[in-house]
Amino acid sequence: MAGISGTESSSEVMDSGGRALKLQTDTPHLVNIGGDRLSTSVTLHPIPQGNI
């Protein structure tokens, strides 16, 4: 599958041939998993680099 565009970091989505997808990025992300009885949603929130 193609990479995700529109982001500053590189990312890649790979189809594992089954019922799962694997996402690999160079930068950390927060992952929100939600949904209801008939669907599942996954939202990725990139963590910007900066001072702590």
Protein backbone atom coordinates (compact mmCIF):
# COMPACT_ATOMS: atom_id res chain seq x y z
CA MET A 1 0.00 0.00 0.00
CA ALA A 2 1.08 3.59 -0.46
CA GLY A 3 2.51 5.86 2.20
CA ILE A 4 0.42 8.51 3.88
CA SER A 5 0.93 11.99 2.43
CA GLY A 6 0.35 15.37 4.00
CA THR A 7 2.56 14.79 7.03
CA GLU A 8 6.06 16.02 7.78
CA SER A 9 7.29 12.59 8.91
CA SER A 10 7.43 9.53 6.76
CA SER A 11 4.84 6.84 7.37
CA GLU A 12 3.86 3.63 5.69
CA VAL A 13 0.73 1.47 5.80
CA MET A 14 1.19 -2.21 5.04
CA ASP A 15 -1.53 -4.78 4.37
CA SER A 16 -0.78 -7.96 6.31
CA GLY A 17 -3.07 -10.03 4.08
CA GLY A 18 -5.64 -10.63 6.78
CA ARG A 19 -7.93 -8.49 8.86
CA ALA A 20 -5.22 -6.16 10.15
CA LEU A 21 -3.18 -3.21 8.92
CA LYS A 22 0.24 -2.21 10.20
CA LEU A 23 1.24 1.45 10.38
CA GLN A 24 4.89 2.40 10.79
CA THR A 25 6.04 6.00 11.36
CA ASP A 26 9.31 7.73 12.20
CA THR A 27 7.74 9.90 14.91
CA PRO A 28 5.62 8.99 17.97
CA HIS A 29 1.82 9.18 17.90
CA LEU A 30 -0.99 8.91 20.42
CA VAL A 31 -3.52 6.28 19.37
CA ASN A 32 -7.24 6.56 20.11
CA ILE A 33 -9.24 3.36 19.58
CA GLY A 34 -13.00 3.76 19.56
CA GLY A 35 -16.13 2.62 17.81
CA ASP A 36 -19.42 0.94 18.48
CA ARG A 37 -20.87 -2.56 18.16
CA LEU A 38 -20.60 -2.73 14.36
CA SER A 39 -17.43 -0.77 13.63
CA THR A 40 -14.04 0.17 15.03
CA SER A 41 -12.26 3.47 14.56
CA VAL A 42 -8.59 4.28 15.08
CA THR A 43 -7.40 7.89 15.23
CA LEU A 44 -3.70 8.77 15.19
CA HIS A 45 -2.58 12.03 16.81
CA PRO A 46 1.03 12.95 15.95
CA ILE A 47 3.11 14.27 18.84
CA PRO A 48 4.98 17.37 17.64
CA GLN A 49 8.65 17.79 18.51
CA GLY A 50 9.41 20.54 20.95
CA ASN A 51 10.74 21.44 24.37
CA ILE A 52 9.38 19.74 27.46
